Amino acid sequence: MTSPIAHSDRVLIRNLQLDVLIGVYDFERLAPQRVIFEVDLHTDCRPAGLSDNVVDAVNYAQVTDVITKISVASEYQLLEALAEDVATQVLAQFSTVSCIDITIHKPDIMPNDVKVAIAISRTRAAQY
């Protein structure tokens, strides 16, 4: 007998590109640079699937707005700090999200088309 995994459903946000003032080095602080968010919101999608009503869903437009507001208003040095703030705010504002996985890419910082990113995963149980 197999048992269902709690909250194996996810709402995905992909390729959210924002210009953010972020970085450790002086040259990074001169102008905003592009970062790309990939976000997985672990939630139970059954209520929305059964009702076909957005009030029963995690509204990805609202989550995207939260991420955007935090990112463009910030002046973090590290992607890790930005990711922590986003995770904390999303878990606080969206009660049906049980876990959030965030990857933030900094695609233009390294030469020779090298791509760098950080990834974190935070759960409601660990947060609250």
N, C-alpha and C. Protein backbone atom coordinates (compact mmCIF):
# COMPACT_ATOMS: atom_id res chain seq x y z
N MET A 1 0.85 -1.17 0.00
CA MET A 1 0.00 0.00 0.00
C MET A 1 0.90 1.24 0.00
N THR A 2 0.58 2.17 -0.84
CA THR A 2 1.34 3.42 -0.87
C THR A 2 0.53 4.51 -0.18
N SER A 3 1.22 5.37 0.50
CA SER A 3 0.53 6.46 1.17
C SER A 3 0.88 7.77 0.47
N PRO A 4 -0.08 8.67 0.37
CA PRO A 4 0.20 9.94 -0.30
C PRO A 4 1.18 10.78 0.51
N ILE A 5 2.01 11.50 -0.18
CA ILE A 5 2.94 12.41 0.46
C ILE A 5 2.21 13.73 0.72
N ALA A 6 2.24 14.18 1.96
CA ALA A 6 1.55 15.42 2.31
C ALA A 6 2.14 16.58 1.53
N HIS A 7 1.30 17.36 0.95
CA HIS A 7 1.69 18.57 0.24
C HIS A 7 2.74 18.32 -0.84
N SER A 8 2.53 17.27 -1.63
CA SER A 8 3.44 17.03 -2.74
C SER A 8 3.12 17.91 -3.93
N ASP A 9 2.00 18.64 -3.85
CA ASP A 9 1.64 19.58 -4.91
C ASP A 9 2.52 20.82 -4.80
N ARG A 10 2.75 21.45 -5.95
CA ARG A 10 3.58 22.65 -5.95
C ARG A 10 3.03 23.66 -6.94
N VAL A 11 3.16 24.91 -6.59
CA VAL A 11 2.94 26.03 -7.51
C VAL A 11 4.33 26.51 -7.89
N LEU A 12 4.58 26.63 -9.18
CA LEU A 12 5.92 26.96 -9.67
C LEU A 12 5.96 28.36 -10.27
N ILE A 13 6.99 29.09 -9.93
CA ILE A 13 7.27 30.39 -10.55
C ILE A 13 8.64 30.23 -11.19
N ARG A 14 8.72 30.47 -12.49
CA ARG A 14 9.96 30.27 -13.23
C ARG A 14 10.34 31.55 -13.97
N ASN A 15 11.64 31.77 -14.04
CA ASN A 15 12.23 32.84 -14.86
C ASN A 15 11.74 34.24 -14.48
N LEU A 16 11.55 34.47 -13.18
CA LEU A 16 11.20 35.82 -12.71
C LEU A 16 12.48 36.65 -12.70
N GLN A 17 12.62 37.52 -13.69
CA GLN A 17 13.84 38.31 -13.85
C GLN A 17 13.62 39.71 -13.29
N LEU A 18 14.53 40.10 -12.40
CA LEU A 18 14.44 41.41 -11.75
C LEU A 18 15.80 42.08 -11.75
N ASP A 19 15.80 43.39 -11.82
CA ASP A 19 17.04 44.16 -11.69
C ASP A 19 17.15 44.59 -10.24
N VAL A 20 18.21 44.13 -9.57
CA VAL A 20 18.37 44.28 -8.13
C VAL A 20 19.75 44.83 -7.81
N LEU A 21 19.80 45.74 -6.86
CA LEU A 21 21.10 46.22 -6.36
C LEU A 21 21.58 45.21 -5.33
N ILE A 22 22.56 44.40 -5.72
CA ILE A 22 23.04 43.33 -4.85
C ILE A 22 24.48 43.01 -5.19
N GLY A 23 25.26 42.71 -4.17
CA GLY A 23 26.63 42.31 -4.41
C GLY A 23 27.56 42.77 -3.31
N VAL A 24 28.69 42.12 -3.22
CA VAL A 24 29.70 42.40 -2.20
C VAL A 24 30.69 43.44 -2.70
N TYR A 25 31.03 43.37 -3.96
CA TYR A 25 32.10 44.21 -4.51
C TYR A 25 31.59 45.58 -4.93
N ASP A 26 32.48 46.56 -4.88
CA ASP A 26 32.11 47.94 -5.22
C ASP A 26 31.48 48.04 -6.60
N PHE A 27 32.03 47.36 -7.59
CA PHE A 27 31.50 47.46 -8.95
C PHE A 27 30.07 46.91 -9.04
N GLU A 28 29.70 46.00 -8.14
CA GLU A 28 28.34 45.46 -8.13
C GLU A 28 27.34 46.45 -7.53
N ARG A 29 27.84 47.40 -6.77
CA ARG A 29 26.97 48.34 -6.07
C ARG A 29 26.68 49.58 -6.92
N LEU A 30 27.27 49.67 -8.10
CA LEU A 30 27.11 50.85 -8.94
C LEU A 30 25.75 50.91 -9.63
N ALA A 31 25.19 49.77 -9.96
CA ALA A 31 23.92 49.73 -10.68
C ALA A 31 23.23 48.40 -10.41
N PRO A 32 21.91 48.37 -10.52
CA PRO A 32 21.21 47.10 -10.35
C PRO A 32 21.69 46.08 -11.39
N GLN A 33 21.65 44.81 -10.99
CA GLN A 33 22.00 43.73 -11.91
C GLN A 33 20.89 42.70 -11.93
N ARG A 34 20.85 41.96 -13.01
CA ARG A 34 19.78 41.00 -13.22
C ARG A 34 19.97 39.78 -12.32
N VAL A 35 18.88 39.40 -11.67
CA VAL A 35 18.80 38.12 -10.96
C VAL A 35 17.56 37.40 -11.49
N ILE A 36 17.60 36.09 -11.43
CA ILE A 36 16.49 35.28 -11.91
C ILE A 36 16.04 34.34 -10.80
N PHE A 37 14.76 34.42 -10.46
CA PHE A 37 14.17 33.58 -9.42
C PHE A 37 13.50 32.36 -10.03
N GLU A 38 13.69 31.22 -9.37
CA GLU A 38 12.93 29.99 -9.61
C GLU A 38 12.37 29.62 -8.24
N VAL A 39 11.05 29.52 -8.13
CA VAL A 39 10.42 29.31 -6.82
C VAL A 39 9.43 28.15 -6.91
N ASP A 40 9.51 27.25 -5.94
CA ASP A 40 8.53 26.18 -5.77
C ASP A 40 7.80 26.43 -4.46
N LEU A 41 6.50 26.51 -4.53
CA LEU A 41 5.65 26.70 -3.35
C LEU A 41 4.91 25.39 -3.09
N HIS A 42 5.27 24.71 -2.02
CA HIS A 42 4.64 23.44 -1.68
C HIS A 42 3.32 23.74 -0.97
N THR A 43 2.25 23.19 -1.50
CA THR A 43 0.91 23.46 -0.98
C THR A 43 -0.02 22.33 -1.39
N ASP A 44 -1.18 22.29 -0.84
CA ASP A 44 -2.20 21.33 -1.25
C ASP A 44 -3.08 22.01 -2.30
N CYS A 45 -2.98 21.57 -3.54
CA CYS A 45 -3.74 22.18 -4.63
C CYS A 45 -5.16 21.62 -4.76
N ARG A 46 -5.51 20.61 -3.95
CA ARG A 46 -6.84 20.01 -4.07
C ARG A 46 -7.98 20.99 -3.85
N PRO A 47 -7.95 21.85 -2.83
CA PRO A 47 -9.07 22.77 -2.66
C PRO A 47 -9.32 23.64 -3.90
N ALA A 48 -8.27 24.15 -4.51
CA ALA A 48 -8.42 24.96 -5.72
C ALA A 48 -8.88 24.11 -6.89
N GLY A 49 -8.35 22.90 -6.98
CA GLY A 49 -8.75 22.01 -8.06
C GLY A 49 -10.21 21.60 -7.99
N LEU A 50 -10.71 21.44 -6.78
CA LEU A 50 -12.11 21.05 -6.60
C LEU A 50 -13.07 22.21 -6.75
N SER A 51 -12.67 23.39 -6.30
CA SER A 51 -13.57 24.55 -6.34
C SER A 51 -13.44 25.35 -7.63
N ASP A 52 -12.31 25.27 -8.30
CA ASP A 52 -12.02 26.08 -9.48
C ASP A 52 -12.14 27.57 -9.15
N ASN A 53 -11.70 27.93 -7.93
CA ASN A 53 -11.81 29.30 -7.45
C ASN A 53 -10.44 29.76 -6.95
N VAL A 54 -9.99 30.91 -7.43
CA VAL A 54 -8.67 31.41 -7.09
C VAL A 54 -8.50 31.67 -5.59
N VAL A 55 -9.58 31.90 -4.87
CA VAL A 55 -9.45 32.14 -3.43
C VAL A 55 -8.97 30.90 -2.69
N ASP A 56 -9.10 29.74 -3.32
CA ASP A 56 -8.63 28.49 -2.72
C ASP A 56 -7.23 28.10 -3.19
N ALA A 57 -6.62 28.95 -3.99
CA ALA A 57 -5.30 28.67 -4.56
C ALA A 57 -4.24 29.60 -3.97
N VAL A 58 -2.98 29.20 -4.12
CA VAL A 58 -1.88 30.13 -3.87
C VAL A 58 -1.81 31.01 -5.11
N ASN A 59 -2.06 32.28 -4.93
CA ASN A 59 -2.11 33.21 -6.05
C ASN A 59 -0.67 33.58 -6.45
N TYR A 60 -0.21 33.00 -7.54
CA TYR A 60 1.19 33.21 -7.93
C TYR A 60 1.48 34.65 -8.33
N ALA A 61 0.46 35.38 -8.77
CA ALA A 61 0.66 36.81 -9.07
C ALA A 61 0.97 37.58 -7.79
N GLN A 62 0.27 37.25 -6.71
CA GLN A 62 0.54 37.91 -5.43
C GLN A 62 1.91 37.54 -4.88
N VAL A 63 2.29 36.27 -5.02
CA VAL A 63 3.61 35.83 -4.56
C VAL A 63 4.70 36.55 -5.36
N THR A 64 4.51 36.64 -6.66
CA THR A 64 5.47 37.34 -7.53
C THR A 64 5.59 38.80 -7.12
N ASP A 65 4.48 39.43 -6.77
CA ASP A 65 4.52 40.83 -6.30
C ASP A 65 5.34 40.96 -5.01
N VAL A 66 5.17 40.02 -4.08
CA VAL A 66 5.94 40.05 -2.83
C VAL A 66 7.43 39.93 -3.13
N ILE A 67 7.79 38.97 -3.97
CA ILE A 67 9.20 38.78 -4.32
C ILE A 67 9.77 40.03 -4.98
N THR A 68 9.01 40.61 -5.89
CA THR A 68 9.46 41.81 -6.60
C THR A 68 9.66 42.98 -5.65
N LYS A 69 8.69 43.23 -4.79
CA LYS A 69 8.80 44.36 -3.85
C LYS A 69 10.00 44.21 -2.92
N ILE A 70 10.21 43.03 -2.39
CA ILE A 70 11.36 42.79 -1.51
C ILE A 70 12.66 43.01 -2.27
N SER A 71 12.73 42.47 -3.46
CA SER A 71 13.97 42.48 -4.23
C SER A 71 14.37 43.87 -4.71
N VAL A 72 13.43 44.61 -5.26
CA VAL A 72 13.80 45.92 -5.83
C VAL A 72 14.00 46.97 -4.74
N ALA A 73 13.44 46.75 -3.56
CA ALA A 73 13.62 47.70 -2.47
C ALA A 73 14.87 47.40 -1.64
N SER A 74 15.49 46.27 -1.89
CA SER A 74 16.60 45.83 -1.05
C SER A 74 17.94 46.29 -1.60
N GLU A 75 18.93 46.23 -0.74
CA GLU A 75 20.32 46.47 -1.13
C GLU A 75 21.21 45.45 -0.42
N TYR A 76 20.84 44.18 -0.53
CA TYR A 76 21.60 43.11 0.10
C TYR A 76 22.96 42.96 -0.55
N GLN A 77 23.88 42.43 0.20
CA GLN A 77 25.17 42.05 -0.37
C GLN A 77 25.11 40.64 -0.94
N LEU A 78 24.39 39.75 -0.25
CA LEU A 78 24.39 38.34 -0.63
C LEU A 78 23.03 37.86 -1.13
N LEU A 79 23.06 36.99 -2.12
CA LEU A 79 21.84 36.34 -2.58
C LEU A 79 21.20 35.54 -1.46
N GLU A 80 22.02 34.98 -0.59
CA GLU A 80 21.50 34.19 0.54
C GLU A 80 20.60 35.03 1.43
N ALA A 81 20.98 36.26 1.69
CA ALA A 81 20.17 37.15 2.53
C ALA A 81 18.86 37.51 1.85
N LEU A 82 18.92 37.78 0.55
CA LEU A 82 17.70 38.07 -0.20
C LEU A 82 16.77 36.86 -0.18
N ALA A 83 17.30 35.67 -0.39
CA ALA A 83 16.48 34.46 -0.39
C ALA A 83 15.83 34.23 0.97
N GLU A 84 16.58 34.45 2.05
CA GLU A 84 16.01 34.28 3.40
C GLU A 84 14.84 35.23 3.63
N ASP A 85 15.00 36.48 3.22
CA ASP A 85 13.93 37.46 3.41
C ASP A 85 12.70 37.08 2.59
N VAL A 86 12.90 36.68 1.35
CA VAL A 86 11.77 36.26 0.52
C VAL A 86 11.08 35.06 1.13
N ALA A 87 11.83 34.06 1.57
CA ALA A 87 11.22 32.86 2.16
C ALA A 87 10.41 33.21 3.41
N THR A 88 10.97 34.04 4.26
CA THR A 88 10.28 34.44 5.49
C THR A 88 8.98 35.16 5.19
N GLN A 89 9.02 36.10 4.26
CA GLN A 89 7.83 36.88 3.93
C GLN A 89 6.75 36.04 3.24
N VAL A 90 7.15 35.18 2.33
CA VAL A 90 6.15 34.35 1.64
C VAL A 90 5.49 33.39 2.62
N LEU A 91 6.28 32.74 3.48
CA LEU A 91 5.68 31.84 4.47
C LEU A 91 4.77 32.59 5.44
N ALA A 92 5.12 33.82 5.77
CA ALA A 92 4.29 34.61 6.69
C ALA A 92 2.99 35.07 6.04
N GLN A 93 3.02 35.38 4.76
CA GLN A 93 1.86 35.97 4.09
C GLN A 93 0.94 34.96 3.41
N PHE A 94 1.42 33.75 3.16
CA PHE A 94 0.62 32.75 2.45
C PHE A 94 0.54 31.49 3.31
N SER A 95 -0.51 31.41 4.11
CA SER A 95 -0.61 30.38 5.15
C SER A 95 -0.73 28.97 4.60
N THR A 96 -1.15 28.80 3.35
CA THR A 96 -1.28 27.45 2.80
C THR A 96 0.02 26.93 2.20
N VAL A 97 1.05 27.76 2.15
CA VAL A 97 2.36 27.31 1.67
C VAL A 97 3.09 26.65 2.84
N SER A 98 3.38 25.37 2.71
CA SER A 98 4.05 24.64 3.80
C SER A 98 5.57 24.67 3.67
N CYS A 99 6.05 24.86 2.46
CA CYS A 99 7.49 24.87 2.20
C CYS A 99 7.75 25.72 0.96
N ILE A 100 8.89 26.38 0.94
CA ILE A 100 9.28 27.16 -0.23
C ILE A 100 10.71 26.80 -0.60
N ASP A 101 10.91 26.53 -1.88
CA ASP A 101 12.24 26.30 -2.43
C ASP A 101 12.55 27.48 -3.34
N ILE A 102 13.67 28.13 -3.11
CA ILE A 102 14.05 29.31 -3.89
C ILE A 102 15.44 29.10 -4.47
N THR A 103 15.55 29.31 -5.76
CA THR A 103 16.84 29.40 -6.42
C THR A 103 16.94 30.79 -7.02
N ILE A 104 18.05 31.47 -6.75
CA ILE A 104 18.29 32.78 -7.34
C ILE A 104 19.57 32.70 -8.16
N HIS A 105 19.43 32.97 -9.44
CA HIS A 105 20.56 32.97 -10.36
C HIS A 105 21.09 34.39 -10.51
N LYS A 106 22.39 34.50 -10.65
CA LYS A 106 23.05 35.77 -10.95
C LYS A 106 23.79 35.54 -12.28
N PRO A 107 23.07 35.63 -13.40
CA PRO A 107 23.58 35.12 -14.66
C PRO A 107 24.68 35.95 -15.33
N ASP A 108 24.82 37.19 -14.96
CA ASP A 108 25.71 38.08 -15.70
C ASP A 108 26.99 38.44 -14.96
N ILE A 109 27.25 37.82 -13.82
CA ILE A 109 28.36 38.25 -12.97
C ILE A 109 29.69 37.58 -13.33
N MET A 110 29.66 36.38 -13.85
CA MET A 110 30.88 35.62 -14.13
C MET A 110 31.21 35.66 -15.63
N PRO A 111 32.49 35.64 -15.96
CA PRO A 111 32.89 35.62 -17.38
C PRO A 111 32.69 34.24 -18.01
N ASN A 112 32.81 34.19 -19.31
CA ASN A 112 32.78 32.94 -20.08
C ASN A 112 31.48 32.17 -19.93
N ASP A 113 30.39 32.90 -19.75
CA ASP A 113 29.06 32.29 -19.67
C ASP A 113 28.91 31.32 -18.50
N VAL A 114 29.71 31.50 -17.45
CA VAL A 114 29.57 30.71 -16.24
C VAL A 114 28.34 31.20 -15.49
N LYS A 115 27.50 30.29 -15.05
CA LYS A 115 26.27 30.63 -14.33
C LYS A 115 26.43 30.27 -12.86
N VAL A 116 26.04 31.18 -11.98
CA VAL A 116 26.08 30.92 -10.54
C VAL A 116 24.70 31.15 -9.95
N ALA A 117 24.41 30.45 -8.86
CA ALA A 117 23.11 30.58 -8.20
C ALA A 117 23.24 30.07 -6.77
N ILE A 118 22.26 30.41 -5.96
CA ILE A 118 22.11 29.80 -4.64
C ILE A 118 20.72 29.18 -4.59
N ALA A 119 20.56 28.20 -3.73
CA ALA A 119 19.26 27.55 -3.56
C ALA A 119 19.04 27.28 -2.08
N ILE A 120 17.83 27.62 -1.61
CA ILE A 120 17.46 27.33 -0.22
C ILE A 120 16.09 26.67 -0.21
N SER A 121 15.81 25.99 0.88
CA SER A 121 14.50 25.41 1.12
C SER A 121 14.13 25.69 2.57
N ARG A 122 12.96 26.28 2.77
CA ARG A 122 12.50 26.60 4.12
C ARG A 122 11.08 26.07 4.30
N THR A 123 10.81 25.53 5.49
CA THR A 123 9.49 24.99 5.79
C THR A 123 8.82 25.80 6.88
N ARG A 124 7.53 25.76 6.86
CA ARG A 124 6.75 26.47 7.87
C ARG A 124 7.10 25.96 9.26
N ALA A 125 7.26 24.66 9.43
CA ALA A 125 7.56 24.10 10.75
C ALA A 125 8.87 24.66 11.30
N ALA A 126 9.84 24.85 10.43
CA ALA A 126 11.13 25.38 10.87
C ALA A 126 11.06 26.89 11.11
N GLN A 127 10.15 27.55 10.43
CA GLN A 127 10.04 29.01 10.51
C GLN A 127 9.17 29.45 11.69
N TYR A 128 8.01 28.78 11.84
CA TYR A 128 7.00 29.30 12.77
C TYR A 128 6.61 28.26 13.79
